[in-house]
């Protein structure tokens, strides 16, 4: 009778160990991965070594590809910053969120405009926040800030699921560098400047005529002309003359910490903040969106990288960007997070072909063999971007996927990884994990639609029974001058009116045989010509019928123009100016590992 209790007492520790042995693997298996999303700005797919460039060194990005999965047909939803980023954040074409302009304006041009990503839109940051993630955005936002008053921050990253924000609520324009000619509404600035000069000359002439007694001119008319001239100068000079102060700022959460930006230290401050965010959350699942300032113009060449490349300041910037990616990866690995962290690298769209100077030539990116570039509608050069995923232990190293994928796929992929299986509103992206892991070999994107602003320019079809990928262009931008590679008359291609050519019948290419889109197909050269046009037309009709939940257009001229009552300011408006203390950022002018 006494032996039985003794046997139970001996079995108890064994049973306890067995129960723990069953629990521990379960805990490990259900651990939510950390997510690090790295997005370059205006980087061409041809700028990266592992995508075919042999003149610029990108060893750190190449390492991510060799240790993970490389996508060769990774497509943005738009060829410009604001609509592309809106689609990336929401998993939906930008036209659904109202972030696709219908006229000359296709992006936010003033930080003090009222347009932006609507507060009732859902981003992947909001989804992951609901699943217990700590979420942070370091770098560029460019999706709006205020709605009705300075400080309401209705479009701010903090309102879209990011609990931490440090960086540029806007973007970089030439105005951020003293001495560079502005590139914001230059046609309007020139018109206002000429109007001001015309009014000044006219007023001076009338005063002389009146003083000479040649013609009787009312004093009221002279005063009215004078006031009109003052208003014209004010309208021209105030919003445009102070652009470095208005647009070029850094915020930490909802506080302006630097105005205007000190460009020389910007890259390493962003890197430091990204590294600190990871270090703070090492024991907790986190999402970091590291939205790089590189390599959007204006270019800023840090001394340790200046002159290192064979492509001037642009090549130097690409190599500095690669170093930053390497430092961020080292941070993840040094903290023992390698196997628990998905790292993703991409660009928001293709390189900017029109951005060049007479003396130094090209300042924008290189898009390899692909035709077109930034803002050029549906041409591959503006929408095909790098797409690299690294997750050791989960994703096979060195895998290459040639199937069509989209930046909009990131939203449903992260949602899946976070364990969020709730029904969502209409999504245009698909979960990429089965494709990345090699469980399936076919993309879920049978059809994809390519917008320029709110205008549908092209569509592609990947038939289920074929390896072909057909691309149909309904509209293409006009290149000027004839034979040039870009839209030099407007600095950036526009999407409508006399700036485009409409094709009837549409242009048709097979990207599997002609990725550079140089040989249009015809009924004589493609047996499926009629079928392709018919099937794509049907898909476009179905897609357009699905656009029932569109938000109001956020990129109208009314919404993007500068409003003084919406202008964020460090100090007393309009005398806005402050500098961030480098001692609080941990920034150093030395770049370890660059020598």
Protein backbone atom coordinates (compact mmCIF):
# COMPACT_ATOMS: atom_id res chain seq x y z
CA UNK A 1 0.00 0.00 0.00
CA UNK A 2 2.85 2.39 0.65
CA UNK A 3 4.61 1.66 -2.70
CA UNK A 4 1.79 3.11 -4.83
CA UNK A 5 2.07 6.69 -3.51
CA UNK A 6 5.84 6.47 -3.87
CA UNK A 7 5.49 5.47 -7.56
CA UNK A 8 3.16 8.40 -8.13
CA UNK A 9 5.62 10.73 -6.50
CA UNK A 10 8.35 9.42 -8.74
CA UNK A 11 6.19 9.75 -11.85
CA UNK A 12 5.15 13.32 -11.09
CA UNK A 13 8.43 15.01 -12.16
CA UNK A 14 8.52 12.84 -15.29
CA UNK A 15 4.96 13.81 -16.21
CA UNK A 16 5.80 17.45 -15.55
CA UNK A 17 8.84 17.30 -17.84
CA UNK A 18 6.82 15.59 -20.56
CA UNK A 19 4.12 18.22 -20.32
CA UNK A 20 6.70 20.99 -20.61
CA UNK A 21 8.35 19.23 -23.53
CA UNK A 22 5.03 19.33 -25.33
CA UNK A 23 4.48 23.01 -24.54
CA UNK A 24 7.87 24.45 -25.47
CA UNK A 25 7.85 23.46 -29.17
CA UNK A 26 4.31 24.78 -29.48
CA UNK A 27 5.39 28.14 -28.07
CA UNK A 28 8.30 28.28 -30.50
CA UNK A 29 6.13 27.29 -33.47
CA UNK A 30 3.54 29.97 -32.85
CA UNK A 31 6.02 32.80 -32.27
CA UNK A 32 5.09 35.72 -34.46
CA UNK A 33 7.98 36.83 -36.66
CA UNK A 34 9.54 40.27 -36.51
CA UNK A 35 9.08 42.23 -39.74
CA UNK A 36 11.63 44.65 -41.23
CA UNK A 37 10.48 46.34 -44.44
CA UNK A 38 13.12 48.40 -46.27
CA UNK A 39 11.93 50.60 -49.14
CA UNK A 40 14.30 52.65 -51.30
CA UNK A 41 13.04 55.79 -53.01
CA UNK A 42 13.26 56.04 -56.83
CA UNK A 43 15.75 53.15 -57.06
CA UNK A 44 15.85 51.55 -60.50
CA UNK A 45 15.81 47.77 -60.71
CA UNK A 46 18.96 48.01 -62.83
CA UNK A 47 20.85 49.79 -60.04
CA UNK A 48 21.29 46.62 -57.96
CA UNK A 49 24.06 44.12 -58.68
CA UNK A 50 21.95 40.99 -58.18
CA UNK A 51 19.50 42.35 -60.77
CA UNK A 52 22.20 42.76 -63.42
CA UNK A 53 24.29 45.82 -62.57
CA UNK A 54 28.03 45.16 -62.75
CA UNK A 55 29.24 48.73 -62.20
CA UNK A 56 27.69 49.60 -58.81
CA UNK A 57 28.55 47.59 -55.69
CA UNK A 58 25.59 46.42 -53.59
CA UNK A 59 27.02 43.47 -51.59
CA UNK A 60 24.61 43.77 -48.67
CA UNK A 61 21.47 43.74 -50.80
CA UNK A 62 22.97 40.91 -52.85
CA UNK A 63 23.56 38.97 -49.63
CA UNK A 64 19.89 39.28 -48.70
CA UNK A 65 19.03 37.79 -52.09
CA UNK A 66 21.53 34.92 -51.77
CA UNK A 67 20.21 34.09 -48.28
CA UNK A 68 16.55 34.44 -49.27
CA UNK A 69 14.13 34.71 -52.17
CA UNK A 70 14.48 37.10 -55.11
CA UNK A 71 11.43 38.15 -57.14
CA UNK A 72 12.13 39.11 -60.74
CA UNK A 73 8.66 40.43 -61.65
CA UNK A 74 7.85 42.49 -58.57
CA UNK A 75 5.48 45.26 -59.65
CA UNK A 76 4.42 48.51 -58.00
CA UNK A 77 0.82 49.65 -58.23
CA UNK A 78 1.85 53.10 -59.52
CA UNK A 79 4.98 54.69 -61.02
CA UNK A 80 5.05 57.59 -58.50
CA UNK A 81 5.69 57.94 -54.76
CA UNK A 82 2.37 58.88 -53.16
CA UNK A 83 0.02 56.48 -55.01
CA UNK A 84 2.56 53.65 -54.91
CA UNK A 85 3.08 53.99 -51.15
CA UNK A 86 -0.66 54.26 -50.50
CA UNK A 87 -1.21 50.99 -52.38
CA UNK A 88 1.72 49.35 -50.56
CA UNK A 89 0.36 50.35 -47.15
CA UNK A 90 -3.23 49.26 -47.82
CA UNK A 91 -2.92 46.30 -50.22
CA UNK A 92 -5.27 48.12 -52.61
CA UNK A 93 -4.89 50.15 -55.78
CA UNK A 94 -4.43 53.82 -54.85
CA UNK A 95 -7.59 54.80 -56.71
CA UNK A 96 -9.60 52.97 -54.02
CA UNK A 97 -8.22 55.21 -51.26
CA UNK A 98 -8.46 58.43 -53.26
CA UNK A 99 -4.67 58.67 -53.50
CA UNK A 100 -4.52 58.75 -57.30
CA UNK A 101 -4.79 62.17 -58.97
CA UNK A 102 -6.79 62.73 -62.13
CA UNK A 103 -5.07 65.90 -63.37
CA UNK A 104 -1.58 67.41 -63.43
CA UNK A 105 -1.05 66.72 -59.73
CA UNK A 106 -0.22 63.10 -58.92
CA UNK A 107 1.58 63.41 -55.56
CA UNK A 108 1.45 65.60 -52.46
CA UNK A 109 3.41 68.77 -53.27
CA UNK A 110 3.10 70.69 -49.99
CA UNK A 111 3.32 69.37 -46.46
CA UNK A 112 0.70 71.96 -45.54
CA UNK A 113 -1.88 70.63 -47.99
CA UNK A 114 -4.99 68.93 -46.65
CA UNK A 115 -4.93 65.76 -48.77
CA UNK A 116 -3.60 62.45 -47.53
CA UNK A 117 -4.30 58.82 -46.76
CA UNK A 118 -7.85 58.88 -45.34
CA UNK A 119 -8.08 58.16 -41.58
CA UNK A 120 -10.63 55.41 -42.24
CA UNK A 121 -8.23 53.46 -44.47
CA UNK A 122 -6.63 50.35 -43.00
CA UNK A 123 -2.87 49.85 -43.25
CA UNK A 124 -0.83 46.75 -42.48
CA UNK A 125 0.54 48.68 -39.47
CA UNK A 126 -2.96 48.96 -38.02
CA UNK A 127 -3.52 45.25 -38.57
CA UNK A 128 -0.28 44.21 -36.88
CA UNK A 129 -0.83 46.64 -34.02
CA UNK A 130 -4.11 44.87 -33.32
CA UNK A 131 -2.21 41.57 -33.21
CA UNK A 132 0.13 42.76 -30.48
CA UNK A 133 3.02 44.08 -32.57
CA UNK A 134 5.03 47.18 -31.73
CA UNK A 135 5.04 49.20 -34.94
CA UNK A 136 7.50 51.84 -36.13
CA UNK A 137 8.14 53.92 -39.22
CA UNK A 138 11.54 55.51 -39.75
CA UNK A 139 12.07 57.68 -42.83
CA UNK A 140 9.78 58.97 -45.54
CA UNK A 141 5.95 59.09 -45.28
CA UNK A 142 4.60 61.36 -48.07
CA UNK A 143 0.96 60.44 -47.42
CA UNK A 144 -0.24 63.69 -45.85
CA UNK A 145 -0.23 65.25 -42.39
CA UNK A 146 -3.07 67.60 -41.35
CA UNK A 147 -6.69 68.01 -42.45
CA UNK A 148 -8.30 71.13 -40.99
CA UNK A 149 -5.83 72.72 -38.58
CA UNK A 150 -2.17 72.61 -37.66
CA UNK A 151 -1.65 69.74 -35.27
CA UNK A 152 -4.74 67.62 -35.97
CA UNK A 153 -2.36 65.08 -37.61
CA UNK A 154 -5.26 63.23 -39.22
CA UNK A 155 -2.99 61.71 -41.91
CA UNK A 156 0.05 61.26 -39.63
CA UNK A 157 1.70 57.80 -39.36
CA UNK A 158 0.62 57.66 -35.70
CA UNK A 159 -2.99 57.69 -36.93
CA UNK A 160 -2.32 54.84 -39.33
CA UNK A 161 -1.02 52.22 -36.93
CA UNK A 162 2.58 53.27 -36.31
CA UNK A 163 3.17 53.76 -32.60
CA UNK A 164 6.58 55.32 -33.34
CA UNK A 165 7.57 57.69 -36.13
CA UNK A 166 10.84 59.43 -36.84
CA UNK A 167 11.63 60.97 -40.17
CA UNK A 168 10.24 62.98 -43.05
CA UNK A 169 6.46 63.43 -43.00
CA UNK A 170 6.89 64.69 -46.55
CA UNK A 171 9.65 63.84 -49.07
CA UNK A 172 12.78 65.38 -50.59
CA UNK A 173 12.59 68.02 -53.28
CA UNK A 174 15.28 70.27 -54.75
CA UNK A 175 14.07 72.99 -52.38
CA UNK A 176 15.70 71.07 -49.50
CA UNK A 177 19.15 71.95 -50.89
CA UNK A 178 20.04 75.68 -50.90
CA UNK A 179 20.83 76.96 -54.37
CA UNK A 180 19.02 74.29 -56.38
CA UNK A 181 16.21 75.35 -58.69
CA UNK A 182 12.85 74.34 -57.27
CA UNK A 183 10.96 71.49 -58.92
CA UNK A 184 7.54 72.04 -57.31
CA UNK A 185 4.95 73.51 -59.68
CA UNK A 186 7.74 75.29 -61.55
CA UNK A 187 5.30 76.28 -64.29
CA UNK A 188 3.10 78.05 -61.73
CA UNK A 189 6.07 79.75 -60.12
CA UNK A 190 7.29 80.99 -63.52
CA UNK A 191 3.81 82.25 -64.41
CA UNK A 192 3.45 84.13 -61.10
CA UNK A 193 6.95 85.57 -61.42
CA UNK A 194 6.22 86.83 -64.93
CA UNK A 195 2.89 88.24 -63.80
CA UNK A 196 4.61 90.09 -60.97
CA UNK A 197 7.22 91.54 -63.34
CA UNK A 198 4.52 92.48 -65.87
CA UNK A 199 2.50 94.27 -63.19
CA UNK A 200 5.62 96.06 -61.95
CA UNK A 201 6.55 97.24 -65.45
CA UNK A 202 2.96 98.26 -66.17
CA UNK A 203 2.65 100.16 -62.91
CA UNK A 204 5.97 101.94 -63.47
CA UNK A 205 4.90 102.89 -67.01
CA UNK A 206 1.55 104.27 -65.86
CA UNK A 207 3.18 106.28 -63.09
CA UNK A 208 5.61 107.82 -65.61
CA UNK A 209 2.77 108.57 -68.04
CA UNK A 210 0.70 110.20 -65.28
CA UNK A 211 3.67 112.18 -63.96
CA UNK A 212 4.37 113.48 -67.47
CA UNK A 213 0.78 114.59 -67.86
CA UNK A 214 0.40 112.63 -71.07
CA UNK A 215 -2.74 110.78 -69.95
CA UNK A 216 -5.07 111.30 -67.01
CA UNK A 217 -4.87 108.16 -64.90
CA UNK A 218 -6.90 107.59 -61.77
CA UNK A 219 -4.96 107.29 -58.53
CA UNK A 220 -7.34 104.48 -57.55
CA UNK A 221 -6.23 102.49 -60.59
CA UNK A 222 -2.58 102.90 -59.63
CA UNK A 223 -3.29 101.83 -56.06
CA UNK A 224 -5.28 98.82 -57.30
CA UNK A 225 -2.45 97.79 -59.61
CA UNK A 226 0.06 98.23 -56.79
CA UNK A 227 -2.00 96.05 -54.44
CA UNK A 228 -2.48 93.46 -57.18
CA UNK A 229 1.28 93.39 -57.68
CA UNK A 230 1.89 92.95 -53.94
CA UNK A 231 -0.62 90.08 -53.85
CA UNK A 232 0.99 88.43 -56.89
CA UNK A 233 4.44 88.67 -55.32
CA UNK A 234 3.11 87.34 -52.00
CA UNK A 235 1.32 84.42 -53.67
CA UNK A 236 4.46 83.61 -55.62
CA UNK A 237 7.18 84.24 -53.05
CA UNK A 238 5.70 83.21 -49.70
CA UNK A 239 4.77 79.57 -50.40
CA UNK A 240 7.65 78.97 -52.82
CA UNK A 241 10.38 81.16 -51.35
CA UNK A 242 10.13 79.43 -47.97
CA UNK A 243 9.82 75.87 -49.27
CA UNK A 244 12.97 74.69 -47.42
CA UNK A 245 11.23 75.68 -44.18
CA UNK A 246 7.74 74.56 -45.14
CA UNK A 247 8.41 71.12 -46.66
CA UNK A 248 11.82 69.97 -45.46
CA UNK A 249 11.34 68.96 -41.84
CA UNK A 250 11.94 66.05 -39.48
CA UNK A 251 9.40 64.91 -36.92
CA UNK A 252 9.65 62.59 -33.94
CA UNK A 253 6.13 61.26 -33.54
CA UNK A 254 4.07 64.48 -33.73
CA UNK A 255 6.79 66.97 -32.76
CA UNK A 256 8.86 68.91 -35.28
CA UNK A 257 12.49 68.40 -34.21
CA UNK A 258 14.30 69.94 -37.18
CA UNK A 259 13.30 72.63 -39.65
CA UNK A 260 14.79 72.74 -42.26
CA UNK A 261 16.61 69.42 -42.60
CA UNK A 262 20.38 69.17 -42.28
CA UNK A 263 20.85 66.88 -45.25
CA UNK A 264 24.44 65.81 -44.53
CA UNK A 265 23.49 63.99 -41.33
CA UNK A 266 20.07 62.70 -42.38
CA UNK A 267 21.00 59.16 -43.60
CA UNK A 268 22.82 58.18 -40.43
CA UNK A 269 20.24 59.66 -38.11
CA UNK A 270 17.60 57.57 -39.85
CA UNK A 271 19.79 54.47 -39.53
CA UNK A 272 20.42 55.14 -35.84
CA UNK A 273 16.70 55.49 -35.12
CA UNK A 274 15.93 52.27 -37.00
CA UNK A 275 18.61 50.38 -35.06
CA UNK A 276 17.37 51.75 -31.74
CA UNK A 277 13.82 50.73 -32.54
CA UNK A 278 14.95 47.13 -33.11
CA UNK A 279 17.05 47.16 -29.93
CA UNK A 280 14.14 48.45 -27.85
CA UNK A 281 11.85 45.67 -29.05
CA UNK A 282 14.20 42.70 -29.10
CA UNK A 283 11.94 40.70 -26.77
CA UNK A 284 8.66 41.61 -28.43
CA UNK A 285 7.31 41.08 -31.98
CA UNK A 286 7.84 44.26 -33.96
CA UNK A 287 7.16 45.76 -37.37
CA UNK A 288 9.73 48.27 -38.65
CA UNK A 289 9.10 50.08 -41.92
CA UNK A 290 12.46 51.68 -42.80
CA UNK A 291 11.53 54.05 -45.61
CA UNK A 292 14.85 55.31 -46.95
CA UNK A 293 15.51 58.84 -48.19
CA UNK A 294 17.93 57.32 -50.73
CA UNK A 295 18.09 57.68 -53.71
CA UNK A 296 15.49 60.36 -54.39
CA UNK A 297 16.93 63.62 -55.69
CA UNK A 298 18.31 65.94 -54.50
CA UNK A 299 21.30 63.71 -53.96
CA UNK A 300 23.46 64.20 -50.88
CA UNK A 301 26.88 62.60 -51.02
CA UNK A 302 28.30 61.74 -47.60
CA UNK A 303 32.11 62.25 -47.52
CA UNK A 304 32.95 58.59 -46.74
CA UNK A 305 31.14 57.51 -49.95
CA UNK A 306 31.87 60.45 -52.28
CA UNK A 307 33.76 59.36 -55.37
CA UNK A 308 33.61 55.64 -54.55
CA UNK A 309 31.40 54.61 -57.47
CA UNK A 310 31.73 54.91 -61.24
CA UNK A 311 28.46 56.82 -61.55
CA UNK A 312 29.02 60.09 -59.75
CA UNK A 313 26.94 61.16 -56.80
CA UNK A 314 24.04 58.90 -57.76
CA UNK A 315 26.22 55.78 -57.71
CA UNK A 316 27.79 56.92 -54.44
CA UNK A 317 24.32 57.27 -52.95
CA UNK A 318 23.33 53.77 -54.08
CA UNK A 319 26.43 52.34 -52.41
CA UNK A 320 25.75 54.31 -49.22
CA UNK A 321 22.18 52.98 -49.26
CA UNK A 322 23.55 49.45 -49.57
CA UNK A 323 25.82 50.08 -46.57
CA UNK A 324 22.82 51.26 -44.56
CA UNK A 325 20.94 48.06 -45.47
CA UNK A 326 23.98 46.07 -44.34
CA UNK A 327 24.18 47.89 -41.00
CA UNK A 328 20.50 47.29 -40.35
CA UNK A 329 20.89 43.59 -41.16
CA UNK A 330 23.90 43.39 -38.81
CA UNK A 331 21.75 44.84 -36.02
CA UNK A 332 19.11 42.15 -36.53
CA UNK A 333 21.72 39.38 -36.64
CA UNK A 334 23.80 40.64 -33.69
CA UNK A 335 20.73 40.57 -31.44
CA UNK A 336 20.07 36.93 -32.23
CA UNK A 337 16.95 37.70 -34.25
CA UNK A 338 18.06 36.24 -37.58
CA UNK A 339 15.71 33.25 -37.68
CA UNK A 340 12.84 35.20 -36.13
CA UNK A 341 12.88 38.12 -38.57
CA UNK A 342 11.57 38.55 -42.10
CA UNK A 343 13.58 41.24 -43.94
CA UNK A 344 12.12 42.64 -47.16
CA UNK A 345 13.82 45.04 -49.59
CA UNK A 346 12.20 46.93 -52.46
CA UNK A 347 11.77 50.35 -54.12
CA UNK A 348 8.60 52.41 -54.39
CA UNK A 349 8.94 52.58 -58.21
CA UNK A 350 11.51 52.81 -61.00
CA UNK A 351 14.29 55.31 -61.56
CA UNK A 352 13.71 58.91 -62.65
CA UNK A 353 15.03 59.20 -66.21
CA UNK A 354 14.37 62.93 -66.69
CA UNK A 355 16.41 63.97 -63.66
CA UNK A 356 19.72 65.04 -65.18
CA UNK A 357 22.10 67.98 -65.36
CA UNK A 358 24.00 69.17 -68.48
CA UNK A 359 27.41 68.89 -66.81
CA UNK A 360 27.12 65.61 -64.91
CA UNK A 361 24.42 63.86 -66.92
CA UNK A 362 22.04 61.35 -65.38
CA UNK A 363 21.08 61.82 -61.71
CA UNK A 364 18.21 59.35 -61.62
CA UNK A 365 18.20 55.57 -61.54
CA UNK A 366 18.83 52.98 -64.19
CA UNK A 367 16.01 50.59 -65.05
CA UNK A 368 18.10 48.02 -66.88
CA UNK A 369 16.58 46.54 -70.02
CA UNK A 370 13.10 47.80 -69.15
CA UNK A 371 11.44 50.59 -71.07
CA UNK A 372 10.44 53.85 -69.37
CA UNK A 373 10.80 54.99 -65.79
CA UNK A 374 9.27 56.97 -62.96
CA UNK A 375 5.79 58.38 -63.78
CA UNK A 376 5.68 56.72 -67.21
CA UNK A 377 2.36 54.93 -66.88
CA UNK A 378 2.53 51.17 -67.41
CA UNK A 379 5.99 50.79 -68.96
CA UNK A 380 8.01 48.17 -67.07
CA UNK A 381 10.87 50.55 -66.23
CA UNK A 382 8.62 52.61 -63.96
CA UNK A 383 6.87 49.76 -62.15
CA UNK A 384 9.24 46.73 -62.04
CA UNK A 385 11.33 46.96 -58.86
CA UNK A 386 13.58 44.78 -56.69
CA UNK A 387 11.78 42.37 -54.40
CA UNK A 388 13.89 40.41 -51.90
CA UNK A 389 12.76 38.41 -48.84
CA UNK A 390 15.16 36.93 -46.28
CA UNK A 391 13.97 34.69 -43.45
CA UNK A 392 16.53 31.97 -42.64
CA UNK A 393 14.97 28.71 -41.52
CA UNK A 394 11.64 29.55 -43.13
CA UNK A 395 12.45 30.65 -46.69
CA UNK A 396 14.83 28.71 -48.95
CA UNK A 397 18.14 30.44 -49.66
CA UNK A 398 18.85 31.44 -53.24
CA UNK A 399 15.32 30.83 -54.53
CA UNK A 400 14.31 32.92 -57.57
CA UNK A 401 10.63 33.50 -58.40
CA UNK A 402 9.80 34.64 -61.94
CA UNK A 403 6.04 34.92 -61.39
CA UNK A 404 4.23 38.32 -61.32
CA UNK A 405 3.96 39.71 -57.79
CA UNK A 406 2.99 43.09 -56.37
CA UNK A 407 3.95 45.49 -53.60
CA UNK A 408 0.27 45.22 -52.66
CA UNK A 409 0.97 41.61 -51.67
CA UNK A 410 2.85 42.77 -48.57
CA UNK A 411 -0.37 43.72 -46.73
CA UNK A 412 -2.05 40.26 -46.94
CA UNK A 413 1.31 38.52 -46.38
CA UNK A 414 1.98 40.38 -43.12
CA UNK A 415 -1.63 39.93 -42.07
CA UNK A 416 -1.24 36.16 -42.53
CA UNK A 417 2.09 36.01 -40.66
CA UNK A 418 0.60 37.95 -37.73
CA UNK A 419 -2.22 35.44 -37.42
CA UNK A 420 -4.90 37.90 -38.51
CA UNK A 421 -7.52 35.88 -40.36
CA UNK A 422 -10.41 38.31 -40.02
CA UNK A 423 -12.36 39.19 -43.12
CA UNK A 424 -11.06 42.31 -44.81
CA UNK A 425 -12.38 44.82 -47.28
CA UNK A 426 -11.60 44.32 -50.97
CA UNK A 427 -7.86 43.63 -51.37
CA UNK A 428 -5.88 43.62 -54.61
CA UNK A 429 -2.85 41.82 -53.15
CA UNK A 430 -2.34 38.14 -52.26
CA UNK A 431 -0.47 36.29 -49.52
CA UNK A 432 3.00 35.54 -50.89
CA UNK A 433 4.14 32.93 -48.36
CA UNK A 434 3.16 29.80 -50.38
CA UNK A 435 5.03 31.21 -53.39
CA UNK A 436 8.07 32.27 -51.35
CA UNK A 437 8.29 28.91 -49.56
CA UNK A 438 7.99 26.95 -52.79
CA UNK A 439 4.71 25.30 -51.84
CA UNK A 440 3.13 26.68 -55.02
CA UNK A 441 4.77 27.74 -58.26
CA UNK A 442 2.08 29.91 -59.77
CA UNK A 443 1.22 33.49 -58.81
CA UNK A 444 -2.35 34.27 -57.84
CA UNK A 445 -2.13 37.39 -60.03
CA UNK A 446 -3.76 36.28 -63.26
CA UNK A 447 -4.50 39.92 -64.10
CA UNK A 448 -2.76 43.10 -62.94
CA UNK A 449 -3.75 46.69 -63.72
CA UNK A 450 -1.32 49.56 -64.23
CA UNK A 451 -2.42 53.06 -63.34
CA UNK A 452 -0.98 56.49 -64.04
CA UNK A 453 -2.74 58.63 -61.48
CA UNK A 454 -6.39 57.59 -61.65
CA UNK A 455 -6.08 56.72 -65.35
CA UNK A 456 -5.78 53.05 -66.32
CA UNK A 457 -2.92 52.89 -68.82
CA UNK A 458 -2.20 49.17 -69.12
CA UNK A 459 -3.01 45.66 -67.91
CA UNK A 460 -1.26 42.30 -67.93
CA UNK A 461 -2.56 38.76 -68.22
CA UNK A 462 -0.76 35.61 -67.12
CA UNK A 463 -2.92 32.86 -68.69
CA UNK A 464 -3.35 29.79 -66.46
CA UNK A 465 -2.48 27.51 -69.38
CA UNK A 466 0.68 29.32 -70.48
CA UNK A 467 4.01 30.74 -69.34
CA UNK A 468 3.37 33.88 -71.38
CA UNK A 469 2.75 37.18 -69.65
CA UNK A 470 0.85 39.46 -71.98
CA UNK A 471 0.91 43.24 -71.48
CA UNK A 472 -1.72 45.47 -73.08
CA UNK A 473 -1.12 49.26 -73.28
CA UNK A 474 -4.25 51.33 -73.80
CA UNK A 475 -2.42 54.62 -73.21
CA UNK A 476 1.27 55.58 -73.20
CA UNK A 477 3.00 58.86 -72.27
CA UNK A 478 4.35 61.07 -75.04
CA UNK A 479 8.13 61.23 -75.08
CA UNK A 480 9.48 64.68 -75.91
CA UNK A 481 11.59 65.50 -77.77
CA UNK A 482 10.91 62.72 -80.25
CA UNK A 483 13.14 59.75 -79.61
CA UNK A 484 14.15 60.80 -76.08
CA UNK A 485 13.75 58.47 -73.12
CA UNK A 486 11.65 60.81 -71.02
CA UNK A 487 9.26 63.73 -70.78
CA UNK A 488 11.81 66.53 -70.62
CA UNK A 489 9.31 69.29 -71.33
CA UNK A 490 7.41 68.62 -68.09
CA UNK A 491 10.29 67.02 -66.05
CA UNK A 492 7.89 64.23 -65.25
CA UNK A 493 5.41 62.47 -67.53
CA UNK A 494 1.74 63.32 -67.11
CA UNK A 495 -1.13 60.89 -67.45
CA UNK A 496 -3.84 62.57 -69.46
CA UNK A 497 -4.88 64.91 -72.27
CA UNK A 498 -2.30 65.92 -74.85
CA UNK A 499 0.48 64.40 -72.76
CA UNK A 500 -0.48 60.84 -73.75
CA UNK A 501 -1.26 58.75 -76.82
CA UNK A 502 -4.30 56.46 -76.86
CA UNK A 503 -3.92 53.23 -78.78
CA UNK A 504 -6.77 51.62 -80.72
CA UNK A 505 -6.13 48.76 -81.02
CA UNK A 506 -3.99 48.63 -77.89
CA UNK A 507 -0.28 47.83 -77.97
CA UNK A 508 0.35 44.19 -77.07
CA UNK A 509 3.61 42.62 -75.83
CA UNK A 510 4.58 39.23 -74.44
CA UNK A 511 6.92 40.02 -71.54
CA UNK A 512 8.11 36.41 -71.33
CA UNK A 513 9.71 36.81 -74.77
CA UNK A 514 10.11 40.60 -74.96
CA UNK A 515 10.67 42.04 -71.46
CA UNK A 516 11.92 45.36 -72.88
CA UNK A 517 8.58 45.90 -74.69
CA UNK A 518 10.25 46.67 -77.99
CA UNK A 519 8.29 44.43 -80.40
CA UNK A 520 4.51 44.98 -80.44
CA UNK A 521 2.55 41.88 -81.39
CA UNK A 522 -0.05 41.69 -84.15
CA UNK A 523 -2.52 39.08 -85.42
CA UNK A 524 0.23 37.92 -87.78
CA UNK A 525 2.82 37.36 -85.03
CA UNK A 526 0.63 36.12 -82.15
CA UNK A 527 -1.97 33.38 -82.58
CA UNK A 528 -3.77 34.41 -79.38
CA UNK A 529 -3.87 38.13 -80.29
CA UNK A 530 -7.66 38.44 -80.43
CA UNK A 531 -8.18 36.24 -77.37
CA UNK A 532 -5.72 38.27 -75.28
CA UNK A 533 -7.37 41.60 -76.09
CA UNK A 534 -10.82 40.12 -75.40
CA UNK A 535 -9.86 38.52 -72.07
CA UNK A 536 -8.05 41.63 -70.86
CA UNK A 537 -11.00 43.85 -71.82
CA UNK A 538 -13.32 41.58 -69.81
CA UNK A 539 -10.94 41.69 -66.80
CA UNK A 540 -10.75 45.49 -66.96
CA UNK A 541 -14.54 45.69 -66.93
CA UNK A 542 -14.76 43.40 -63.88
CA UNK A 543 -12.03 45.39 -62.12
CA UNK A 544 -13.70 48.72 -62.77
CA UNK A 545 -17.01 47.39 -61.44
CA UNK A 546 -15.19 46.54 -58.21
CA UNK A 547 -14.28 50.20 -57.63
CA UNK A 548 -17.39 50.81 -55.55
CA UNK A 549 -15.68 51.82 -52.30
CA UNK A 550 -13.48 54.63 -53.63
CA UNK A 551 -12.62 57.45 -51.22
CA UNK A 552 -12.83 61.12 -52.30
CA UNK A 553 -9.87 62.27 -54.39
CA UNK A 554 -7.13 63.49 -52.06
CA UNK A 555 -4.88 64.89 -54.79
CA UNK A 556 -6.99 67.67 -56.25
CA UNK A 557 -5.36 71.08 -56.73
CA UNK A 558 -7.56 72.39 -53.92
CA UNK A 559 -6.25 69.82 -51.45
CA UNK A 560 -2.55 69.88 -52.33
CA UNK A 561 -2.00 73.66 -52.33
CA UNK A 562 -0.22 75.25 -49.37
CA UNK A 563 -2.35 76.44 -46.43
CA UNK A 564 -0.61 78.50 -43.75
CA UNK A 565 -2.97 77.24 -41.01
CA UNK A 566 -1.88 73.65 -41.72
CA UNK A 567 1.86 74.34 -41.77
CA UNK A 568 3.79 72.42 -39.08
CA UNK A 569 6.23 74.72 -37.37
CA UNK A 570 9.10 74.46 -34.90
CA UNK A 571 8.96 77.75 -33.03
CA UNK A 572 6.65 80.66 -33.75
CA UNK A 573 4.94 80.66 -37.15
CA UNK A 574 6.03 81.91 -39.64
CA UNK A 575 9.55 82.10 -38.16
CA UNK A 576 10.01 78.32 -38.05
CA UNK A 577 13.51 77.05 -37.40
CA UNK A 578 15.19 74.47 -35.14
CA UNK A 579 18.05 71.97 -35.25
CA UNK A 580 18.08 68.53 -33.70
CA UNK A 581 20.84 67.98 -31.18
CA UNK A 582 23.12 65.28 -32.59
CA UNK A 583 23.91 64.21 -29.02
CA UNK A 584 20.33 62.98 -28.66
CA UNK A 585 20.44 60.99 -31.90
CA UNK A 586 23.70 59.17 -31.40
CA UNK A 587 24.78 60.27 -34.87
CA UNK A 588 28.44 60.34 -35.73
CA UNK A 589 30.16 61.63 -38.84
CA UNK A 590 32.17 58.41 -38.98
CA UNK A 591 30.78 55.52 -41.01
CA UNK A 592 32.09 52.22 -39.67
CA UNK A 593 32.97 49.76 -42.36
CA UNK A 594 33.20 52.25 -45.21
CA UNK A 595 36.95 52.56 -45.37
